[in-house]
Amino acid sequence: MSEEIFIHPSATVDKRAKVGSSTKIWINVQVRENSSIGQRCNIGKDVYIDKNVVIGDGCKIQNSVSIYDGVKIGNDVFIGPHVCFTNDKLPRAFVEDWKITPTLVKNGASIGANSTIVCGITIGEYSMIAAGSVVTKDVEPYTLVMGNPARPVARINKRGERTETLL
């Protein structure tokens, strides 16, 4: 396997960002200063990675995802297209002293397309968030959540297969 990093010519990767070996960064991606992307990641078209974001090894981040300052993503995490992570509990255009509220996504989690992740939560190991969900509370490990707001519907195994229905 190649150790080479691939960065598409249209991508903007700040020189203060760290990118791990065998990672691919595709068309129109922006990676801001002091962010860190692990090894063997695939960062899809039009992804925005804000300053200070941490992304572990083996992650797949699909097209048009927005990951803002305060988000830390573990290893082997899947993030579907158009997912948005927030980082401000009280967003106002006129407040200059706003505070970043951190979010943690643990190893092996999977986040479906068009989901919104409200800041200040932890998404547990190998959990799964169904497409289109709005996640406002912590997600327990090995749990499938869905809806707006997202609610637990099943326990799952590491592969994402249901092991127990909750609803």
N, C-alpha and C. Protein backbone atom coordinates (compact mmCIF):
# COMPACT_ATOMS: atom_id res chain seq x y z
N MET A 1 0.85 -1.19 0.00
CA MET A 1 0.00 0.00 0.00
C MET A 1 0.89 1.25 0.00
N SER A 2 0.50 2.22 -0.78
CA SER A 2 1.26 3.46 -0.88
C SER A 2 1.16 4.27 0.41
N GLU A 3 2.27 4.85 0.82
CA GLU A 3 2.31 5.71 2.00
C GLU A 3 2.07 7.17 1.60
N GLU A 4 1.96 7.40 0.30
CA GLU A 4 1.83 8.75 -0.22
C GLU A 4 0.51 9.41 0.16
N ILE A 5 0.57 10.69 0.44
CA ILE A 5 -0.62 11.50 0.68
C ILE A 5 -1.04 12.06 -0.67
N PHE A 6 -2.35 12.00 -0.97
CA PHE A 6 -2.87 12.61 -2.19
C PHE A 6 -3.70 13.83 -1.80
N ILE A 7 -3.36 14.98 -2.37
CA ILE A 7 -4.13 16.20 -2.18
C ILE A 7 -4.47 16.74 -3.56
N HIS A 8 -5.75 16.76 -3.88
CA HIS A 8 -6.20 17.26 -5.18
C HIS A 8 -5.73 18.72 -5.35
N PRO A 9 -5.36 19.11 -6.56
CA PRO A 9 -4.87 20.48 -6.79
C PRO A 9 -5.86 21.58 -6.39
N SER A 10 -7.16 21.29 -6.38
CA SER A 10 -8.14 22.31 -6.01
C SER A 10 -8.35 22.41 -4.49
N ALA A 11 -7.79 21.48 -3.73
CA ALA A 11 -7.94 21.49 -2.27
C ALA A 11 -7.01 22.55 -1.66
N THR A 12 -7.44 23.09 -0.53
CA THR A 12 -6.62 24.04 0.22
C THR A 12 -6.33 23.42 1.58
N VAL A 13 -5.07 23.06 1.80
CA VAL A 13 -4.65 22.47 3.06
C VAL A 13 -3.62 23.41 3.69
N ASP A 14 -3.97 23.99 4.82
CA ASP A 14 -3.07 24.91 5.51
C ASP A 14 -1.77 24.21 5.86
N LYS A 15 -0.66 24.92 5.74
CA LYS A 15 0.65 24.32 6.01
C LYS A 15 0.83 23.91 7.47
N ARG A 16 -0.03 24.42 8.36
CA ARG A 16 0.04 24.06 9.79
C ARG A 16 -0.85 22.86 10.13
N ALA A 17 -1.56 22.34 9.15
CA ALA A 17 -2.38 21.14 9.35
C ALA A 17 -1.50 19.90 9.22
N LYS A 18 -1.89 18.83 9.91
CA LYS A 18 -1.18 17.56 9.81
C LYS A 18 -2.04 16.57 9.05
N VAL A 19 -1.45 15.88 8.08
CA VAL A 19 -2.17 14.89 7.29
C VAL A 19 -1.36 13.60 7.31
N GLY A 20 -2.00 12.50 7.73
CA GLY A 20 -1.33 11.21 7.86
C GLY A 20 -1.09 10.52 6.53
N SER A 21 -0.19 9.56 6.55
CA SER A 21 0.17 8.82 5.34
C SER A 21 -1.03 8.09 4.75
N SER A 22 -1.00 7.92 3.45
CA SER A 22 -2.03 7.21 2.66
C SER A 22 -3.41 7.86 2.72
N THR A 23 -3.48 9.11 3.14
CA THR A 23 -4.75 9.84 3.17
C THR A 23 -4.97 10.51 1.83
N LYS A 24 -6.26 10.56 1.41
CA LYS A 24 -6.64 11.20 0.15
C LYS A 24 -7.58 12.36 0.47
N ILE A 25 -7.26 13.51 -0.09
CA ILE A 25 -8.05 14.73 0.09
C ILE A 25 -8.49 15.17 -1.31
N TRP A 26 -9.79 15.21 -1.54
CA TRP A 26 -10.32 15.38 -2.89
C TRP A 26 -10.69 16.82 -3.23
N ILE A 27 -11.48 17.00 -4.27
CA ILE A 27 -11.77 18.27 -4.92
C ILE A 27 -12.40 19.28 -3.95
N ASN A 28 -11.86 20.51 -3.96
CA ASN A 28 -12.42 21.66 -3.23
C ASN A 28 -12.51 21.48 -1.72
N VAL A 29 -11.70 20.62 -1.15
CA VAL A 29 -11.66 20.45 0.31
C VAL A 29 -10.86 21.61 0.90
N GLN A 30 -11.31 22.09 2.07
CA GLN A 30 -10.53 23.07 2.82
C GLN A 30 -10.19 22.48 4.17
N VAL A 31 -8.90 22.45 4.48
CA VAL A 31 -8.40 21.97 5.77
C VAL A 31 -7.69 23.14 6.43
N ARG A 32 -8.22 23.60 7.56
CA ARG A 32 -7.71 24.79 8.24
C ARG A 32 -6.51 24.48 9.14
N GLU A 33 -5.93 25.54 9.65
CA GLU A 33 -4.73 25.47 10.48
C GLU A 33 -4.94 24.64 11.76
N ASN A 34 -3.86 23.96 12.13
CA ASN A 34 -3.79 23.18 13.37
C ASN A 34 -4.79 22.04 13.44
N SER A 35 -5.39 21.67 12.32
CA SER A 35 -6.23 20.47 12.31
C SER A 35 -5.33 19.27 12.06
N SER A 36 -5.84 18.09 12.38
CA SER A 36 -5.06 16.87 12.24
C SER A 36 -5.94 15.79 11.64
N ILE A 37 -5.46 15.20 10.54
CA ILE A 37 -6.16 14.11 9.86
C ILE A 37 -5.24 12.89 9.92
N GLY A 38 -5.76 11.78 10.37
CA GLY A 38 -4.96 10.57 10.54
C GLY A 38 -4.57 9.89 9.24
N GLN A 39 -4.04 8.70 9.37
CA GLN A 39 -3.60 7.89 8.24
C GLN A 39 -4.78 7.17 7.58
N ARG A 40 -4.66 6.91 6.29
CA ARG A 40 -5.62 6.10 5.52
C ARG A 40 -7.03 6.68 5.54
N CYS A 41 -7.15 7.98 5.58
CA CYS A 41 -8.47 8.62 5.53
C CYS A 41 -8.81 8.99 4.10
N ASN A 42 -10.11 9.09 3.83
CA ASN A 42 -10.60 9.52 2.53
C ASN A 42 -11.54 10.69 2.78
N ILE A 43 -11.12 11.88 2.35
CA ILE A 43 -11.87 13.12 2.59
C ILE A 43 -12.50 13.54 1.26
N GLY A 44 -13.83 13.44 1.16
CA GLY A 44 -14.55 13.65 -0.09
C GLY A 44 -14.64 15.10 -0.53
N LYS A 45 -15.17 15.28 -1.70
CA LYS A 45 -15.33 16.58 -2.37
C LYS A 45 -16.09 17.58 -1.49
N ASP A 46 -15.61 18.83 -1.48
CA ASP A 46 -16.28 19.96 -0.83
C ASP A 46 -16.38 19.85 0.69
N VAL A 47 -15.52 19.08 1.32
CA VAL A 47 -15.52 18.97 2.78
C VAL A 47 -14.80 20.18 3.37
N TYR A 48 -15.35 20.68 4.50
CA TYR A 48 -14.72 21.77 5.25
C TYR A 48 -14.29 21.24 6.60
N ILE A 49 -13.00 21.34 6.89
CA ILE A 49 -12.44 20.93 8.18
C ILE A 49 -11.85 22.17 8.83
N ASP A 50 -12.49 22.62 9.88
CA ASP A 50 -12.13 23.87 10.56
C ASP A 50 -10.81 23.71 11.32
N LYS A 51 -10.32 24.82 11.82
CA LYS A 51 -9.09 24.81 12.62
C LYS A 51 -9.28 23.94 13.86
N ASN A 52 -8.20 23.30 14.27
CA ASN A 52 -8.13 22.50 15.50
C ASN A 52 -8.95 21.22 15.51
N VAL A 53 -9.59 20.86 14.41
CA VAL A 53 -10.34 19.60 14.35
C VAL A 53 -9.35 18.43 14.37
N VAL A 54 -9.74 17.35 15.05
CA VAL A 54 -8.91 16.14 15.09
C VAL A 54 -9.71 15.00 14.47
N ILE A 55 -9.12 14.33 13.49
CA ILE A 55 -9.73 13.19 12.82
C ILE A 55 -8.75 12.02 12.93
N GLY A 56 -9.23 10.88 13.42
CA GLY A 56 -8.37 9.71 13.62
C GLY A 56 -8.03 8.99 12.33
N ASP A 57 -7.47 7.81 12.47
CA ASP A 57 -7.04 6.99 11.34
C ASP A 57 -8.23 6.26 10.71
N GLY A 58 -8.13 5.99 9.41
CA GLY A 58 -9.08 5.13 8.72
C GLY A 58 -10.49 5.69 8.58
N CYS A 59 -10.64 7.00 8.64
CA CYS A 59 -11.97 7.61 8.54
C CYS A 59 -12.36 7.86 7.09
N LYS A 60 -13.66 7.73 6.81
CA LYS A 60 -14.21 8.05 5.50
C LYS A 60 -15.22 9.17 5.69
N ILE A 61 -14.91 10.32 5.12
CA ILE A 61 -15.76 11.50 5.24
C ILE A 61 -16.22 11.86 3.83
N GLN A 62 -17.52 11.68 3.59
CA GLN A 62 -18.04 11.85 2.25
C GLN A 62 -18.31 13.32 1.90
N ASN A 63 -18.78 13.56 0.70
CA ASN A 63 -18.88 14.91 0.13
C ASN A 63 -19.70 15.88 0.98
N SER A 64 -19.25 17.14 0.99
CA SER A 64 -19.98 18.29 1.52
C SER A 64 -20.24 18.22 3.03
N VAL A 65 -19.34 17.61 3.78
CA VAL A 65 -19.44 17.56 5.23
C VAL A 65 -18.78 18.80 5.82
N SER A 66 -19.38 19.37 6.88
CA SER A 66 -18.81 20.51 7.59
C SER A 66 -18.46 20.08 9.00
N ILE A 67 -17.16 20.19 9.34
CA ILE A 67 -16.67 19.80 10.67
C ILE A 67 -16.01 21.03 11.28
N TYR A 68 -16.62 21.55 12.34
CA TYR A 68 -16.16 22.81 12.92
C TYR A 68 -15.27 22.60 14.14
N ASP A 69 -14.53 23.65 14.48
CA ASP A 69 -13.63 23.68 15.63
C ASP A 69 -14.34 23.11 16.86
N GLY A 70 -13.65 22.26 17.58
CA GLY A 70 -14.24 21.65 18.77
C GLY A 70 -14.64 20.20 18.56
N VAL A 71 -14.58 19.72 17.32
CA VAL A 71 -14.96 18.34 17.02
C VAL A 71 -13.72 17.45 17.01
N LYS A 72 -13.83 16.32 17.69
CA LYS A 72 -12.77 15.32 17.70
C LYS A 72 -13.40 14.00 17.26
N ILE A 73 -12.81 13.39 16.22
CA ILE A 73 -13.33 12.17 15.61
C ILE A 73 -12.32 11.05 15.80
N GLY A 74 -12.78 9.91 16.30
CA GLY A 74 -11.91 8.76 16.55
C GLY A 74 -11.52 8.04 15.27
N ASN A 75 -11.04 6.82 15.42
CA ASN A 75 -10.59 6.00 14.30
C ASN A 75 -11.76 5.27 13.64
N ASP A 76 -11.62 5.01 12.33
CA ASP A 76 -12.56 4.18 11.57
C ASP A 76 -14.00 4.69 11.62
N VAL A 77 -14.15 5.99 11.60
CA VAL A 77 -15.48 6.61 11.63
C VAL A 77 -15.93 6.88 10.20
N PHE A 78 -17.21 6.60 9.93
CA PHE A 78 -17.82 6.91 8.64
C PHE A 78 -18.76 8.10 8.83
N ILE A 79 -18.61 9.11 7.96
CA ILE A 79 -19.49 10.27 7.98
C ILE A 79 -20.06 10.45 6.58
N GLY A 80 -21.37 10.29 6.46
CA GLY A 80 -22.05 10.36 5.17
C GLY A 80 -22.11 11.78 4.62
N PRO A 81 -22.54 11.91 3.37
CA PRO A 81 -22.56 13.21 2.72
C PRO A 81 -23.49 14.21 3.41
N HIS A 82 -23.07 15.46 3.40
CA HIS A 82 -23.85 16.60 3.88
C HIS A 82 -24.11 16.59 5.39
N VAL A 83 -23.30 15.87 6.15
CA VAL A 83 -23.42 15.93 7.61
C VAL A 83 -22.84 17.26 8.08
N CYS A 84 -23.50 17.85 9.09
CA CYS A 84 -23.00 19.10 9.65
C CYS A 84 -22.85 18.97 11.17
N PHE A 85 -21.67 19.31 11.65
CA PHE A 85 -21.40 19.38 13.09
C PHE A 85 -21.48 20.84 13.50
N THR A 86 -22.20 21.14 14.57
CA THR A 86 -22.23 22.51 15.08
C THR A 86 -21.19 22.64 16.20
N ASN A 87 -20.91 23.88 16.62
CA ASN A 87 -19.96 24.05 17.72
C ASN A 87 -20.34 25.19 18.67
N ASP A 88 -21.53 25.72 18.52
CA ASP A 88 -21.94 26.87 19.33
C ASP A 88 -23.35 26.62 19.88
N LYS A 89 -23.48 26.53 21.20
CA LYS A 89 -24.80 26.28 21.82
C LYS A 89 -25.73 27.48 21.72
N LEU A 90 -25.17 28.69 21.65
CA LEU A 90 -25.98 29.91 21.60
C LEU A 90 -25.53 30.78 20.42
N PRO A 91 -25.78 30.34 19.20
CA PRO A 91 -25.26 31.09 18.04
C PRO A 91 -25.95 32.44 17.86
N ARG A 92 -25.14 33.47 17.77
CA ARG A 92 -25.60 34.83 17.51
C ARG A 92 -24.56 35.52 16.65
N ALA A 93 -24.98 36.23 15.65
CA ALA A 93 -24.05 36.94 14.78
C ALA A 93 -23.38 38.11 15.49
N PHE A 94 -24.00 38.63 16.51
CA PHE A 94 -23.51 39.86 17.16
C PHE A 94 -22.71 39.61 18.43
N VAL A 95 -22.52 38.35 18.84
CA VAL A 95 -21.76 38.05 20.05
C VAL A 95 -20.32 37.72 19.66
N GLU A 96 -19.37 38.47 20.19
CA GLU A 96 -17.97 38.27 19.82
C GLU A 96 -17.22 37.35 20.76
N ASP A 97 -17.76 37.09 21.94
CA ASP A 97 -17.05 36.25 22.91
C ASP A 97 -17.67 34.86 23.04
N TRP A 98 -18.16 34.33 21.91
CA TRP A 98 -18.80 33.03 21.93
C TRP A 98 -17.82 31.93 22.32
N LYS A 99 -18.36 30.85 22.83
CA LYS A 99 -17.55 29.74 23.31
C LYS A 99 -17.81 28.49 22.47
N ILE A 100 -16.74 27.82 22.12
CA ILE A 100 -16.85 26.56 21.39
C ILE A 100 -17.28 25.47 22.37
N THR A 101 -18.26 24.68 21.96
CA THR A 101 -18.71 23.54 22.76
C THR A 101 -18.25 22.27 22.06
N PRO A 102 -17.36 21.49 22.68
CA PRO A 102 -16.77 20.33 22.00
C PRO A 102 -17.74 19.17 21.79
N THR A 103 -17.44 18.39 20.76
CA THR A 103 -18.18 17.18 20.41
C THR A 103 -17.16 16.07 20.18
N LEU A 104 -17.48 14.87 20.65
CA LEU A 104 -16.59 13.72 20.50
C LEU A 104 -17.31 12.60 19.77
N VAL A 105 -16.68 12.10 18.70
CA VAL A 105 -17.19 10.94 17.96
C VAL A 105 -16.19 9.81 18.19
N LYS A 106 -16.64 8.75 18.84
CA LYS A 106 -15.73 7.67 19.21
C LYS A 106 -15.53 6.66 18.08
N ASN A 107 -14.54 5.81 18.25
CA ASN A 107 -14.11 4.85 17.23
C ASN A 107 -15.27 4.04 16.66
N GLY A 108 -15.24 3.88 15.33
CA GLY A 108 -16.16 2.99 14.64
C GLY A 108 -17.58 3.51 14.45
N ALA A 109 -17.87 4.73 14.91
CA ALA A 109 -19.22 5.28 14.74
C ALA A 109 -19.51 5.53 13.27
N SER A 110 -20.80 5.54 12.93
CA SER A 110 -21.23 5.79 11.56
C SER A 110 -22.37 6.81 11.59
N ILE A 111 -22.21 7.88 10.81
CA ILE A 111 -23.19 8.97 10.81
C ILE A 111 -23.77 9.08 9.40
N GLY A 112 -25.09 8.89 9.29
CA GLY A 112 -25.77 8.88 8.00
C GLY A 112 -25.88 10.24 7.35
N ALA A 113 -26.11 10.22 6.05
CA ALA A 113 -26.21 11.43 5.22
C ALA A 113 -27.21 12.43 5.77
N ASN A 114 -26.89 13.69 5.62
CA ASN A 114 -27.76 14.81 5.98
C ASN A 114 -28.11 14.89 7.46
N SER A 115 -27.32 14.27 8.31
CA SER A 115 -27.54 14.38 9.75
C SER A 115 -26.92 15.68 10.27
N THR A 116 -27.52 16.19 11.34
CA THR A 116 -26.97 17.35 12.04
C THR A 116 -26.59 16.90 13.44
N ILE A 117 -25.36 17.22 13.83
CA ILE A 117 -24.86 16.84 15.14
C ILE A 117 -24.73 18.12 15.96
N VAL A 118 -25.62 18.27 16.94
CA VAL A 118 -25.60 19.46 17.80
C VAL A 118 -24.45 19.30 18.79
N CYS A 119 -23.71 20.37 19.01
CA CYS A 119 -22.48 20.31 19.79
C CYS A 119 -22.71 19.93 21.25
N GLY A 120 -21.62 19.49 21.88
CA GLY A 120 -21.65 19.18 23.29
C GLY A 120 -22.02 17.75 23.62
N ILE A 121 -22.00 16.87 22.62
CA ILE A 121 -22.40 15.48 22.86
C ILE A 121 -21.24 14.53 22.55
N THR A 122 -21.43 13.28 22.98
CA THR A 122 -20.51 12.20 22.65
C THR A 122 -21.29 11.15 21.87
N ILE A 123 -20.72 10.74 20.76
CA ILE A 123 -21.30 9.67 19.94
C ILE A 123 -20.46 8.43 20.22
N GLY A 124 -21.08 7.39 20.81
CA GLY A 124 -20.38 6.23 21.32
C GLY A 124 -19.79 5.32 20.26
N GLU A 125 -18.90 4.44 20.72
CA GLU A 125 -18.22 3.48 19.85
C GLU A 125 -19.21 2.65 19.06
N TYR A 126 -18.96 2.50 17.79
CA TYR A 126 -19.72 1.64 16.88
C TYR A 126 -21.22 1.92 16.88
N SER A 127 -21.59 3.12 17.30
CA SER A 127 -22.99 3.52 17.19
C SER A 127 -23.29 3.89 15.75
N MET A 128 -24.58 4.01 15.44
CA MET A 128 -24.98 4.36 14.08
C MET A 128 -26.10 5.40 14.16
N ILE A 129 -25.93 6.45 13.38
CA ILE A 129 -26.94 7.50 13.30
C ILE A 129 -27.59 7.41 11.93
N ALA A 130 -28.90 7.20 11.89
CA ALA A 130 -29.62 7.06 10.62
C ALA A 130 -29.60 8.36 9.84
N ALA A 131 -29.67 8.25 8.53
CA ALA A 131 -29.67 9.41 7.65
C ALA A 131 -30.76 10.40 8.04
N GLY A 132 -30.43 11.68 7.99
CA GLY A 132 -31.39 12.74 8.25
C GLY A 132 -31.68 13.01 9.71
N SER A 133 -30.97 12.37 10.61
CA SER A 133 -31.24 12.55 12.04
C SER A 133 -30.67 13.87 12.55
N VAL A 134 -31.30 14.38 13.60
CA VAL A 134 -30.79 15.54 14.32
C VAL A 134 -30.43 15.05 15.71
N VAL A 135 -29.13 14.99 15.99
CA VAL A 135 -28.65 14.40 17.24
C VAL A 135 -28.40 15.51 18.25
N THR A 136 -29.17 15.48 19.35
CA THR A 136 -29.11 16.53 20.36
C THR A 136 -28.61 16.03 21.71
N LYS A 137 -28.47 14.70 21.84
CA LYS A 137 -28.04 14.08 23.10
C LYS A 137 -26.98 13.02 22.82
N ASP A 138 -26.24 12.64 23.85
CA ASP A 138 -25.24 11.58 23.72
C ASP A 138 -25.87 10.33 23.10
N VAL A 139 -25.06 9.63 22.32
CA VAL A 139 -25.48 8.35 21.73
C VAL A 139 -24.65 7.26 22.39
N GLU A 140 -25.32 6.29 22.99
CA GLU A 140 -24.64 5.19 23.68
C GLU A 140 -23.87 4.32 22.67
N PRO A 141 -22.79 3.68 23.10
CA PRO A 141 -22.08 2.75 22.23
C PRO A 141 -23.02 1.66 21.70
N TYR A 142 -22.77 1.20 20.49
CA TYR A 142 -23.51 0.09 19.88
C TYR A 142 -25.02 0.34 19.85
N THR A 143 -25.41 1.57 19.55
CA THR A 143 -26.83 1.94 19.50
C THR A 143 -27.14 2.60 18.17
N LEU A 144 -28.28 2.24 17.58
CA LEU A 144 -28.81 2.89 16.39
C LEU A 144 -29.81 3.95 16.85
N VAL A 145 -29.60 5.19 16.39
CA VAL A 145 -30.56 6.26 16.67
C VAL A 145 -31.07 6.81 15.36
N MET A 146 -32.30 7.36 15.41
CA MET A 146 -32.86 7.98 14.20
C MET A 146 -33.92 9.00 14.59
N GLY A 147 -34.18 9.92 13.66
CA GLY A 147 -35.26 10.87 13.84
C GLY A 147 -34.81 12.27 14.21
N ASN A 148 -35.82 13.12 14.45
CA ASN A 148 -35.60 14.50 14.84
C ASN A 148 -36.55 14.84 15.99
N PRO A 149 -36.03 14.87 17.21
CA PRO A 149 -34.65 14.58 17.60
C PRO A 149 -34.38 13.07 17.55
N ALA A 150 -33.11 12.72 17.38
CA ALA A 150 -32.73 11.31 17.28
C ALA A 150 -33.02 10.58 18.59
N ARG A 151 -33.61 9.38 18.44
CA ARG A 151 -33.93 8.53 19.60
C ARG A 151 -33.38 7.12 19.34
N PRO A 152 -32.99 6.44 20.40
CA PRO A 152 -32.50 5.07 20.24
C PRO A 152 -33.61 4.13 19.76
N VAL A 153 -33.32 3.33 18.72
CA VAL A 153 -34.31 2.38 18.22
C VAL A 153 -33.83 0.93 18.30
N ALA A 154 -32.51 0.72 18.39
CA ALA A 154 -32.00 -0.65 18.45
C ALA A 154 -30.58 -0.66 19.00
N ARG A 155 -30.23 -1.79 19.55
CA ARG A 155 -28.83 -2.09 19.86
C ARG A 155 -28.28 -2.79 18.63
N ILE A 156 -27.00 -2.52 18.35
CA ILE A 156 -26.37 -3.09 17.16
C ILE A 156 -25.02 -3.71 17.54
N ASN A 157 -24.51 -4.53 16.64
CA ASN A 157 -23.17 -5.07 16.85
C ASN A 157 -22.16 -4.20 16.10
N LYS A 158 -20.92 -4.60 16.14
CA LYS A 158 -19.84 -3.83 15.53
C LYS A 158 -20.06 -3.60 14.03
N ARG A 159 -20.71 -4.54 13.36
CA ARG A 159 -20.98 -4.42 11.92
C ARG A 159 -22.21 -3.56 11.62
N GLY A 160 -22.95 -3.15 12.65
CA GLY A 160 -24.15 -2.34 12.45
C GLY A 160 -25.44 -3.13 12.36
N GLU A 161 -25.37 -4.44 12.57
CA GLU A 161 -26.55 -5.31 12.51
C GLU A 161 -27.31 -5.23 13.83
N ARG A 162 -28.64 -5.19 13.74
CA ARG A 162 -29.48 -5.10 14.94
C ARG A 162 -29.37 -6.37 15.77
N THR A 163 -29.21 -6.16 17.07
CA THR A 163 -29.18 -7.29 18.02
C THR A 163 -30.34 -7.24 18.99
N GLU A 164 -30.97 -6.07 19.13
CA GLU A 164 -32.10 -5.91 20.04
C GLU A 164 -32.89 -4.68 19.61
N THR A 165 -34.18 -4.81 19.48
CA THR A 165 -35.04 -3.68 19.13
C THR A 165 -35.45 -2.97 20.40
N LEU A 166 -35.38 -1.64 20.39
CA LEU A 166 -35.71 -0.85 21.57
C LEU A 166 -37.09 -0.20 21.45
N LEU A 167 -37.57 0.00 20.24
CA LEU A 167 -38.89 0.61 20.03
C LEU A 167 -39.84 -0.34 19.36
